[in-house]
Amino acid sequence: MASIDAQAAPADKPLAIASFNIRVPGIAVVISIFGIAAIARLLLASLDGFGVDMGTFRGWSDRLANDGPWNFYDQDFFSDYSPGYMYVLWLIGELNQIFHFSNDQYEYILKLPSIIADLGGAYLLYRMLDKEKPWLQLGATVLYLLFPAALLVGAFWGQVDSILSFFLLLSVYFIGRDRPVAGAVAFAIGFIIKPQAIAALPFLAFWIIRRHPLNLKGGEFPIPRVLIECTAYPLVVIFILILPFFTTAPWDLFAQLQSATTVDNYEVNSFWAYNFWNAGGLSDLGFRCDLPSACPDSEATKWLGMPTRYWGFAFFGLAIAAILYIFRNAKGYGFLALGVGMSIMAFYMFTTRMHERYVFPAFLPLLLGVALLHSRVLWAAFITTATVHFLNLYHVFGYYYLFNAEEEGNYPRWTRVDWLYDKVLEANVSFLGLDNILGWAIGVGEGPGRHVEAVQLWSIILLFSFLAMFPAAYFLAETRRDREKPLEGT
């Protein structure tokens, strides 16, 4: 077996660390780990997924197989996804025409693309950590393979956010190796599958332009050829992908993208997402309208006379500006990946009309970033945000399916504000009056927290965990700017 040395040590000499002989797992062990992760996902895929989503995907697959893509986005047919993923559904629909799947088989097949993307993302993560100590390389990979949110969203739920995660990391891979055109094309494919990728565009564009700056001194064409290619090739790829769906009017894509980002479907501050807006409460602020023109029958929420929709854009813009400033001199995969992950999180945290799943694609690049940068603060923020995100997903899945909460109000206990208080009472914890302090803090008793909901509590924890990434990233970027190795050019 190989050594745990940072580079290449003799294969038969294990390295002693903290008085332990730790051997690096061989390739057979790595393959076995990926095999176990694949089997676990395939078993989870046999369970019933999110019924509405599964039914919608099947309907789209059948329609594409029967009628083709030419009139798919007709006004009288519901379709709130952009064209990229429709190619996958089209293929599945064609397979069904040949093999005539049963209902259970059809749902199972619909879950396979996300499982493949999960495994592909984990493998790409493993490859991108090959310069790190082998225990960290394998540990981070296993962490993603067992990532609870990934297991729930893809293999169980049946959604496709893992595919965007893969293409975001693939874009980071290429750009980090100074292959920006390939990175831009990978980003364009991810964008046309899930338009929420747009949140990372300012940061990626900044990173590429900083690496290939404009020539403003004269004498040569001011825009480097690579920047023209980074713009032209992705646009050509997008045009080719959308052409079968928008043959006569390609500009109709913009209206579809609005629908695909829930812009026209959920005109509320937050649609189940634990984020900045739900820090004000799910019913009190989250589900309230965000723009007067979108809510003729109800008054939109406003701050200082401006609708929350515009405040969301302003907060997101400030967050992106802060991210660009923090990483202005940063180099290396770690900072590139961290900036992408933080950009996706900023979009989710501050803009209105967010779904609970829209933050999921941030975690794969974030995991790469924190693994490479070795920051305890970033690791703590990652683990906290990942935990809260899983609770958010579980809450929504439980509301509609697991607990019949929509019909019976039977919420899982932890989503109720008194859950933690009940646990303390059950444990008979009275040390230093902890039971009274906790009851006062979360609102079971009298005190400033008496109106706090569990959703608010989780949203506040997520918000502060995200905000903690900013000073941590700034400190790392400033202290390591001269020690970072240049990006690989292969």
Protein backbone atom coordinates (compact mmCIF):
# COMPACT_ATOMS: atom_id res chain seq x y z
CA MET A 1 0.00 0.00 0.00
CA ALA A 2 1.06 3.60 -0.54
CA SER A 3 2.27 5.84 2.26
CA ILE A 4 0.39 8.72 3.79
CA ASP A 5 3.24 11.05 2.90
CA ALA A 6 2.16 14.29 1.21
CA GLN A 7 3.82 13.35 -2.05
CA ALA A 8 5.17 9.98 -3.11
CA ALA A 9 6.75 7.74 -0.48
CA PRO A 10 7.86 4.13 -0.86
CA ALA A 11 4.85 1.86 -1.07
CA ASP A 12 6.06 -0.48 1.67
CA LYS A 13 6.83 2.14 4.34
CA PRO A 14 3.84 3.42 6.34
CA LEU A 15 4.29 6.84 7.93
CA ALA A 16 3.83 7.17 11.69
CA ILE A 17 1.52 10.01 12.68
CA ALA A 18 0.68 10.73 16.31
CA SER A 19 2.15 7.34 17.29
CA PHE A 20 -0.09 5.47 14.83
CA ASN A 21 0.98 3.70 11.68
CA ILE A 22 -1.54 4.83 9.08
CA ARG A 23 -1.45 3.18 5.69
CA VAL A 24 -3.00 4.71 2.63
CA PRO A 25 -5.81 2.56 1.22
CA GLY A 26 -5.01 0.95 -2.10
CA ILE A 27 -7.01 1.30 -5.26
CA ALA A 28 -9.07 -1.77 -4.36
CA VAL A 29 -10.24 -0.05 -1.19
CA VAL A 30 -11.17 3.13 -3.09
CA ILE A 31 -13.14 1.13 -5.65
CA SER A 32 -14.87 -0.75 -2.83
CA ILE A 33 -15.88 2.51 -1.15
CA PHE A 34 -17.37 3.84 -4.37
CA GLY A 35 -19.10 0.49 -4.91
CA ILE A 36 -20.69 0.59 -1.45
CA ALA A 37 -21.82 4.18 -2.04
CA ALA A 38 -23.35 3.17 -5.38
CA ILE A 39 -25.17 0.20 -3.84
CA ALA A 40 -26.51 2.37 -1.02
CA ARG A 41 -27.92 4.84 -3.54
CA LEU A 42 -29.41 2.11 -5.70
CA LEU A 43 -31.16 0.69 -2.64
CA LEU A 44 -32.47 4.11 -1.63
CA ALA A 45 -33.72 4.63 -5.18
CA SER A 46 -36.12 1.71 -4.72
CA LEU A 47 -38.06 3.76 -2.14
CA ASP A 48 -40.87 6.08 -3.19
CA GLY A 49 -39.53 9.48 -4.19
CA PHE A 50 -41.14 12.90 -4.05
CA GLY A 51 -44.39 12.08 -5.83
CA VAL A 52 -45.04 15.44 -7.48
CA ASP A 53 -41.53 15.66 -8.91
CA MET A 54 -41.46 12.04 -10.06
CA GLY A 55 -44.83 12.39 -11.74
CA THR A 56 -43.75 15.62 -13.44
CA PHE A 57 -40.51 14.10 -14.75
CA ARG A 58 -42.39 11.12 -16.10
CA GLY A 59 -44.93 13.34 -17.81
CA TRP A 60 -42.16 15.35 -19.46
CA SER A 61 -40.33 12.17 -20.54
CA ASP A 62 -43.45 10.74 -22.17
CA ARG A 63 -44.28 14.01 -23.90
CA LEU A 64 -40.76 14.35 -25.30
CA ALA A 65 -40.74 10.74 -26.52
CA ASN A 66 -44.18 11.08 -28.13
CA ASP A 67 -43.98 14.57 -29.59
CA GLY A 68 -40.31 15.52 -29.60
CA PRO A 69 -38.91 18.80 -28.24
CA TRP A 70 -40.24 21.10 -30.96
CA ASN A 71 -43.37 22.31 -29.15
CA PHE A 72 -42.48 21.21 -25.65
CA TYR A 73 -42.74 24.64 -24.07
CA ASP A 74 -46.25 25.40 -25.28
CA GLN A 75 -48.15 27.80 -23.09
CA ASP A 76 -50.81 25.22 -22.18
CA PHE A 77 -48.31 22.72 -20.78
CA PHE A 78 -46.60 23.14 -17.39
CA SER A 79 -42.81 22.97 -17.65
CA ASP A 80 -40.62 24.94 -15.27
CA TYR A 81 -37.27 23.35 -16.13
CA SER A 82 -34.80 24.67 -18.69
CA PRO A 83 -33.94 22.59 -21.78
CA GLY A 84 -30.68 21.02 -20.57
CA TYR A 85 -32.15 18.29 -18.40
CA MET A 86 -34.90 17.65 -20.93
CA TYR A 87 -32.38 15.74 -23.06
CA VAL A 88 -31.95 13.23 -20.24
CA LEU A 89 -35.72 12.92 -19.81
CA TRP A 90 -36.12 12.58 -23.58
CA LEU A 91 -33.69 9.64 -23.58
CA ILE A 92 -35.53 7.99 -20.69
CA GLY A 93 -38.84 8.46 -22.49
CA GLU A 94 -37.43 6.83 -25.63
CA LEU A 95 -36.17 3.90 -23.57
CA ASN A 96 -39.63 3.51 -22.11
CA GLN A 97 -41.03 3.32 -25.63
CA ILE A 98 -38.77 0.31 -26.21
CA PHE A 99 -38.86 -1.51 -22.87
CA HIS A 100 -42.27 -0.40 -21.50
CA PHE A 101 -41.26 0.23 -17.88
CA SER A 102 -43.62 -0.45 -15.02
CA ASN A 103 -44.44 2.50 -12.75
CA ASP A 104 -41.80 1.46 -10.20
CA GLN A 105 -39.20 0.84 -12.90
CA TYR A 106 -39.89 4.21 -14.48
CA GLU A 107 -39.36 6.05 -11.20
CA TYR A 108 -36.22 4.04 -10.53
CA ILE A 109 -34.75 4.92 -13.93
CA LEU A 110 -35.58 8.60 -13.35
CA LYS A 111 -33.37 8.58 -10.25
CA LEU A 112 -30.30 7.11 -11.96
CA PRO A 113 -28.94 10.35 -13.54
CA SER A 114 -28.60 11.96 -10.10
CA ILE A 115 -26.89 8.87 -8.72
CA ILE A 116 -24.39 8.91 -11.60
CA ALA A 117 -23.77 12.64 -11.05
CA ASP A 118 -23.23 12.06 -7.32
CA LEU A 119 -20.63 9.37 -7.96
CA GLY A 120 -19.03 11.44 -10.72
CA GLY A 121 -18.80 14.47 -8.46
CA ALA A 122 -17.21 12.39 -5.70
CA TYR A 123 -14.66 10.94 -8.14
CA LEU A 124 -13.81 14.40 -9.47
CA LEU A 125 -13.38 15.60 -5.87
CA TYR A 126 -11.05 12.65 -5.22
CA ARG A 127 -8.93 13.52 -8.27
CA MET A 128 -8.75 17.20 -7.39
CA LEU A 129 -7.40 16.34 -3.92
CA ASP A 130 -4.61 14.14 -5.24
CA LYS A 131 -1.92 16.57 -4.02
CA GLU A 132 -3.23 16.39 -0.46
CA LYS A 133 -2.42 13.81 2.18
CA PRO A 134 -4.14 10.58 1.18
CA TRP A 135 -6.19 10.35 4.38
CA LEU A 136 -7.66 13.79 3.66
CA GLN A 137 -8.22 12.94 0.00
CA LEU A 138 -10.14 9.78 0.83
CA GLY A 139 -11.85 11.25 3.91
CA ALA A 140 -13.35 14.19 2.03
CA THR A 141 -14.50 11.86 -0.75
CA VAL A 142 -16.17 9.50 1.70
CA LEU A 143 -17.80 12.49 3.39
CA TYR A 144 -19.47 13.44 0.13
CA LEU A 145 -20.37 9.85 -0.75
CA LEU A 146 -22.16 9.61 2.62
CA PHE A 147 -23.39 13.21 2.57
CA PRO A 148 -26.94 12.96 4.01
CA ALA A 149 -28.33 15.74 1.82
CA ALA A 150 -26.95 14.08 -1.33
CA LEU A 151 -28.48 10.74 -0.36
CA LEU A 152 -31.83 12.39 0.28
CA VAL A 153 -32.01 14.76 -2.70
CA GLY A 154 -30.94 12.37 -5.42
CA ALA A 155 -31.41 8.68 -4.68
CA PHE A 156 -34.43 9.10 -2.36
CA TRP A 157 -36.19 12.30 -3.42
CA GLY A 158 -35.38 11.96 -7.13
CA GLN A 159 -34.27 15.51 -7.85
CA VAL A 160 -31.38 16.51 -10.09
CA ASP A 161 -29.41 19.15 -8.15
CA SER A 162 -26.43 16.75 -8.04
CA ILE A 163 -25.99 17.26 -11.78
CA LEU A 164 -25.43 21.00 -11.35
CA SER A 165 -23.02 20.23 -8.50
CA PHE A 166 -20.99 18.05 -10.84
CA PHE A 167 -20.79 20.66 -13.60
CA LEU A 168 -19.85 23.42 -11.16
CA LEU A 169 -16.98 21.32 -9.85
CA LEU A 170 -15.99 20.39 -13.40
CA SER A 171 -15.86 24.09 -14.23
CA VAL A 172 -13.63 24.68 -11.20
CA TYR A 173 -11.42 21.79 -12.32
CA PHE A 174 -10.82 23.22 -15.78
CA ILE A 175 -10.48 26.86 -14.74
CA GLY A 176 -8.12 25.88 -11.93
CA ARG A 177 -5.90 24.19 -14.51
CA ASP A 178 -5.91 27.31 -16.65
CA ARG A 179 -8.26 25.85 -19.23
CA PRO A 180 -10.89 28.57 -18.98
CA VAL A 181 -12.66 27.81 -22.26
CA ALA A 182 -13.38 24.23 -21.19
CA GLY A 183 -14.45 25.55 -17.79
CA ALA A 184 -16.79 28.08 -19.38
CA VAL A 185 -18.39 25.38 -21.55
CA ALA A 186 -18.85 23.12 -18.51
CA PHE A 187 -20.48 26.02 -16.68
CA ALA A 188 -22.77 26.73 -19.66
CA ILE A 189 -24.00 23.12 -19.68
CA GLY A 190 -24.66 23.28 -15.94
CA PHE A 191 -26.48 26.58 -16.40
CA ILE A 192 -28.78 25.26 -19.12
CA ILE A 193 -29.61 22.32 -16.84
CA LYS A 194 -30.17 24.38 -13.66
CA PRO A 195 -30.13 28.17 -14.19
CA GLN A 196 -29.36 28.78 -10.51
CA ALA A 197 -25.74 28.37 -11.61
CA ILE A 198 -25.93 32.02 -12.67
CA ALA A 199 -25.00 32.95 -9.09
CA ALA A 200 -21.42 31.75 -9.65
CA LEU A 201 -20.96 33.54 -12.99
CA PRO A 202 -19.66 36.89 -11.61
CA PHE A 203 -17.01 35.14 -9.53
CA LEU A 204 -15.88 32.76 -12.29
CA ALA A 205 -15.75 35.61 -14.81
CA PHE A 206 -13.71 37.67 -12.35
CA TRP A 207 -11.29 34.79 -11.81
CA ILE A 208 -10.77 34.23 -15.54
CA ILE A 209 -10.41 37.95 -16.38
CA ARG A 210 -7.93 38.44 -13.55
CA ARG A 211 -5.88 35.59 -14.99
CA HIS A 212 -6.20 37.00 -18.55
CA PRO A 213 -6.56 40.77 -18.07
CA LEU A 214 -7.67 43.23 -20.69
CA ASN A 215 -4.93 45.00 -22.63
CA LEU A 216 -5.77 48.64 -22.08
CA LYS A 217 -2.35 50.08 -22.93
CA GLY A 218 -2.89 49.98 -26.67
CA GLY A 219 -0.90 48.39 -29.43
CA GLU A 220 -2.87 45.16 -29.45
CA PHE A 221 -6.48 44.12 -29.47
CA PRO A 222 -7.65 45.01 -25.94
CA ILE A 223 -9.64 41.81 -25.32
CA PRO A 224 -7.51 38.65 -25.10
CA ARG A 225 -8.55 35.88 -27.43
CA VAL A 226 -9.22 33.53 -24.53
CA LEU A 227 -11.90 35.86 -23.15
CA ILE A 228 -13.63 36.00 -26.53
CA GLU A 229 -13.57 32.20 -26.69
CA CYS A 230 -14.88 31.95 -23.12
CA THR A 231 -17.86 34.00 -24.23
CA ALA A 232 -18.44 32.65 -27.75
CA TYR A 233 -18.11 28.90 -27.21
CA PRO A 234 -20.55 28.69 -24.26
CA LEU A 235 -23.09 30.78 -26.21
CA VAL A 236 -22.76 28.46 -29.19
CA VAL A 237 -23.22 25.40 -26.95
CA ILE A 238 -26.31 26.93 -25.33
CA PHE A 239 -27.74 27.88 -28.73
CA ILE A 240 -27.26 24.34 -30.05
CA LEU A 241 -28.87 22.82 -26.96
CA ILE A 242 -31.92 25.08 -27.00
CA LEU A 243 -32.49 25.09 -30.77
CA PRO A 244 -34.73 21.99 -30.88
CA PHE A 245 -36.92 23.51 -28.14
CA PHE A 246 -37.01 27.09 -29.44
CA THR A 247 -36.51 26.60 -33.17
CA THR A 248 -38.33 29.70 -34.39
CA ALA A 249 -37.89 31.98 -31.36
CA PRO A 250 -34.67 31.29 -29.38
CA TRP A 251 -35.31 34.41 -27.29
CA ASP A 252 -38.22 32.60 -25.64
CA LEU A 253 -35.52 30.89 -23.57
CA PHE A 254 -35.39 33.95 -21.29
CA ALA A 255 -39.02 33.54 -20.25
CA GLN A 256 -38.39 29.86 -19.60
CA LEU A 257 -35.35 30.63 -17.48
CA GLN A 258 -37.47 32.91 -15.34
CA SER A 259 -39.86 30.06 -14.76
CA ALA A 260 -37.01 27.61 -14.12
CA THR A 261 -35.67 29.76 -11.27
CA THR A 262 -39.14 29.99 -9.66
CA VAL A 263 -39.22 33.68 -10.54
CA ASP A 264 -42.75 33.38 -11.91
CA ASN A 265 -43.99 30.48 -9.80
CA TYR A 266 -43.45 31.36 -6.14
CA GLU A 267 -43.70 35.09 -5.57
CA VAL A 268 -42.82 34.86 -1.89
CA ASN A 269 -39.82 35.78 0.20
CA SER A 270 -38.85 32.17 0.76
CA PHE A 271 -40.55 29.00 -0.44
CA TRP A 272 -39.52 26.64 2.38
CA ALA A 273 -35.86 27.67 2.24
CA TYR A 274 -34.11 28.15 5.58
CA ASN A 275 -32.40 31.43 4.75
CA PHE A 276 -32.26 35.13 5.63
CA TRP A 277 -35.96 35.64 4.94
CA ASN A 278 -37.12 32.74 7.08
CA ALA A 279 -35.15 34.19 9.96
CA GLY A 280 -38.32 36.26 10.27
CA GLY A 281 -40.52 33.17 10.43
CA LEU A 282 -42.03 30.87 7.84
CA SER A 283 -45.52 32.33 8.03
CA ASP A 284 -44.69 35.81 9.30
CA LEU A 285 -42.19 36.60 6.55
CA GLY A 286 -41.15 33.57 4.48
CA PHE A 287 -44.47 32.90 2.76
CA ARG A 288 -45.36 36.56 2.34
CA CYS A 289 -45.33 38.19 -1.08
CA ASP A 290 -42.09 39.88 -2.17
CA LEU A 291 -43.28 42.25 -4.92
CA PRO A 292 -46.49 44.34 -5.23
CA SER A 293 -46.98 43.64 -8.94
CA ALA A 294 -46.89 39.91 -8.28
CA CYS A 295 -49.44 39.95 -5.47
CA PRO A 296 -52.55 41.91 -6.48
CA ASP A 297 -54.57 40.43 -3.62
CA SER A 298 -52.06 40.96 -0.83
CA GLU A 299 -49.61 43.60 0.25
CA ALA A 300 -45.96 42.87 -0.41
CA THR A 301 -43.46 43.03 2.42
CA LYS A 302 -41.32 46.16 2.35
CA TRP A 303 -38.34 47.60 4.19
CA LEU A 304 -37.89 51.34 4.14
CA GLY A 305 -40.50 51.54 1.40
CA MET A 306 -38.77 49.09 -0.94
CA PRO A 307 -40.16 45.58 -1.66
CA THR A 308 -38.16 42.68 -0.32
CA ARG A 309 -37.58 41.40 -3.86
CA TYR A 310 -35.27 44.34 -4.52
CA TRP A 311 -33.66 44.12 -1.11
CA GLY A 312 -32.79 40.52 -1.93
CA PHE A 313 -30.97 41.56 -5.09
CA ALA A 314 -29.17 44.31 -3.17
CA PHE A 315 -28.00 41.96 -0.41
CA PHE A 316 -26.86 39.40 -2.99
CA GLY A 317 -24.96 42.10 -4.88
CA LEU A 318 -23.22 43.21 -1.70
CA ALA A 319 -22.31 39.62 -0.86
CA ILE A 320 -20.83 39.05 -4.33
CA ALA A 321 -18.89 42.32 -4.08
CA ALA A 322 -17.47 41.17 -0.75
CA ILE A 323 -16.54 37.77 -2.22
CA LEU A 324 -14.75 39.40 -5.16
CA TYR A 325 -12.85 41.68 -2.78
CA ILE A 326 -11.86 38.84 -0.47
CA PHE A 327 -10.51 36.69 -3.32
CA ARG A 328 -9.01 39.51 -5.38
CA ASN A 329 -5.45 38.19 -4.92
CA ALA A 330 -6.21 34.56 -4.08
CA LYS A 331 -4.75 31.67 -6.07
CA GLY A 332 -5.28 27.95 -6.20
CA TYR A 333 -8.09 25.43 -6.37
CA GLY A 334 -9.05 25.97 -2.73
CA PHE A 335 -9.98 29.63 -3.05
CA LEU A 336 -11.54 29.13 -6.48
CA ALA A 337 -13.81 26.37 -5.18
CA LEU A 338 -14.61 28.26 -1.98
CA GLY A 339 -15.60 31.38 -3.93
CA VAL A 340 -17.95 29.38 -6.17
CA GLY A 341 -19.59 27.70 -3.19
CA MET A 342 -20.00 30.99 -1.31
CA SER A 343 -21.53 32.63 -4.40
CA ILE A 344 -24.18 29.92 -4.67
CA MET A 345 -24.88 30.23 -0.95
CA ALA A 346 -25.19 34.03 -1.19
CA PHE A 347 -27.81 33.64 -3.93
CA TYR A 348 -29.75 31.20 -1.76
CA MET A 349 -29.42 33.16 1.46
CA PHE A 350 -30.49 36.60 0.24
CA THR A 351 -32.55 36.56 -2.96
CA THR A 352 -36.27 35.92 -2.57
CA ARG A 353 -38.32 33.04 -4.06
CA MET A 354 -35.75 30.43 -3.08
CA HIS A 355 -36.54 26.72 -2.86
CA GLU A 356 -35.00 24.58 -0.12
CA ARG A 357 -32.85 22.65 -2.64
CA TYR A 358 -31.22 25.64 -4.32
CA VAL A 359 -28.29 25.71 -1.91
CA PHE A 360 -27.38 22.06 -2.48
CA PRO A 361 -25.00 22.66 -5.44
CA ALA A 362 -22.83 24.83 -3.17
CA PHE A 363 -21.67 21.96 -0.98
CA LEU A 364 -19.46 20.02 -3.40
CA PRO A 365 -17.23 23.02 -4.28
CA LEU A 366 -17.36 24.14 -0.66
CA LEU A 367 -16.12 20.74 0.47
CA LEU A 368 -13.22 20.94 -1.96
CA GLY A 369 -12.41 24.44 -0.72
CA VAL A 370 -12.42 23.66 2.98
CA ALA A 371 -10.47 20.43 2.43
CA LEU A 372 -7.72 22.30 0.58
CA LEU A 373 -7.56 25.34 2.87
CA HIS A 374 -7.40 23.46 6.19
CA SER A 375 -9.37 26.01 8.20
CA ARG A 376 -11.18 24.89 11.35
CA VAL A 377 -13.60 27.79 11.06
CA LEU A 378 -14.49 26.82 7.50
CA TRP A 379 -14.88 23.18 8.48
CA ALA A 380 -17.19 24.16 11.34
CA ALA A 381 -19.22 26.42 9.03
CA PHE A 382 -19.44 23.67 6.41
CA ILE A 383 -20.63 21.04 8.87
CA THR A 384 -23.16 23.42 10.40
CA THR A 385 -24.60 24.57 7.09
CA ALA A 386 -24.72 20.99 5.79
CA THR A 387 -26.60 19.84 8.89
CA VAL A 388 -29.16 22.64 8.71
CA HIS A 389 -29.64 22.03 4.99
CA PHE A 390 -30.42 18.37 5.63
CA LEU A 391 -32.96 19.34 8.29
CA ASN A 392 -34.52 21.75 5.80
CA LEU A 393 -34.83 19.00 3.17
CA TYR A 394 -36.18 16.55 5.72
CA HIS A 395 -38.71 19.13 6.88
CA VAL A 396 -40.09 19.65 3.38
CA PHE A 397 -40.12 15.96 2.47
CA GLY A 398 -41.76 15.20 5.78
CA TYR A 399 -44.36 17.93 5.34
CA TYR A 400 -45.60 16.53 2.06
CA TYR A 401 -45.00 12.80 2.46
CA LEU A 402 -43.31 11.20 5.46
CA PHE A 403 -45.53 12.69 8.14
CA ASN A 404 -48.65 13.69 6.22
CA ALA A 405 -48.16 17.10 7.74
CA GLU A 406 -49.89 18.93 4.91
CA GLU A 407 -53.14 17.09 5.58
CA GLU A 408 -52.91 16.26 9.28
CA GLY A 409 -50.51 18.84 10.69
CA ASN A 410 -48.36 15.99 11.98
CA TYR A 411 -44.97 17.70 11.80
CA PRO A 412 -41.77 15.92 12.79
CA ARG A 413 -41.04 16.90 16.36
CA TRP A 414 -37.74 18.67 15.72
CA THR A 415 -39.45 21.25 13.51
CA ARG A 416 -41.44 22.49 16.47
CA VAL A 417 -39.95 25.18 18.67
CA ASP A 418 -40.51 23.22 21.89
CA TRP A 419 -38.72 20.06 20.66
CA LEU A 420 -35.34 20.91 22.22
CA TYR A 421 -37.03 22.04 25.42
CA ASP A 422 -38.89 18.71 25.65
CA LYS A 423 -35.62 16.84 25.19
CA VAL A 424 -34.07 18.77 28.07
CA LEU A 425 -37.02 18.00 30.31
CA GLU A 426 -36.95 14.32 29.35
CA ALA A 427 -33.27 14.20 30.30
CA ASN A 428 -34.08 15.91 33.62
CA VAL A 429 -31.32 18.46 33.07
CA SER A 430 -31.49 21.18 35.69
CA PHE A 431 -27.80 22.01 36.04
CA LEU A 432 -27.46 25.78 36.50
CA GLY A 433 -31.15 26.09 35.66
CA LEU A 434 -30.54 25.00 32.05
CA ASP A 435 -34.14 23.91 31.62
CA ASN A 436 -35.43 27.37 32.59
CA ILE A 437 -32.81 29.21 30.55
CA LEU A 438 -33.57 27.16 27.45
CA GLY A 439 -37.32 27.54 27.87
CA TRP A 440 -36.89 31.29 28.19
CA ALA A 441 -34.54 31.49 25.18
CA ILE A 442 -36.68 29.54 22.71
CA GLY A 443 -39.94 30.98 23.84
CA VAL A 444 -41.61 28.23 25.84
CA GLY A 445 -41.61 30.58 28.80
CA GLU A 446 -41.53 34.36 28.97
CA GLY A 447 -38.72 36.21 27.29
CA PRO A 448 -37.51 37.75 24.04
CA GLY A 449 -37.55 34.38 22.27
CA ARG A 450 -41.17 33.56 23.00
CA HIS A 451 -42.21 34.11 19.40
CA VAL A 452 -39.30 32.24 17.80
CA GLU A 453 -40.17 29.31 15.54
CA ALA A 454 -37.90 26.35 14.90
CA VAL A 455 -37.62 27.43 11.25
CA GLN A 456 -36.37 30.82 12.42
CA LEU A 457 -33.84 29.20 14.71
CA TRP A 458 -32.39 26.98 11.98
CA SER A 459 -32.40 29.89 9.51
CA ILE A 460 -30.51 32.13 11.92
CA ILE A 461 -27.94 29.38 12.57
CA LEU A 462 -27.47 28.91 8.82
CA LEU A 463 -27.16 32.64 8.22
CA PHE A 464 -24.48 33.14 10.86
CA SER A 465 -22.58 30.03 9.71
CA PHE A 466 -22.53 31.45 6.19
CA LEU A 467 -21.46 34.90 7.35
CA ALA A 468 -18.64 33.32 9.38
CA MET A 469 -17.11 32.13 6.10
CA PHE A 470 -16.38 35.72 5.05
CA PRO A 471 -13.84 36.71 7.75
CA ALA A 472 -12.34 33.22 7.67
CA ALA A 473 -11.89 33.37 3.89
CA TYR A 474 -10.49 36.91 4.10
CA PHE A 475 -7.93 35.92 6.72
CA LEU A 476 -6.82 32.90 4.69
CA ALA A 477 -6.65 34.84 1.42
CA GLU A 478 -4.57 37.62 2.99
CA THR A 479 -2.17 35.39 4.90
CA ARG A 480 -1.62 32.84 2.13
CA ARG A 481 -1.42 35.06 -0.94
CA ASP A 482 2.36 34.68 -1.12
CA ARG A 483 2.43 31.00 -0.22
CA GLU A 484 -0.11 29.65 -2.68
CA LYS A 485 1.33 27.65 -5.53
CA PRO A 486 0.41 28.88 -9.01
CA LEU A 487 -2.42 27.13 -10.79
CA GLU A 488 -1.55 24.05 -12.76
CA GLY A 489 -1.38 24.57 -16.49
CA THR A 490 -2.03 21.00 -17.58
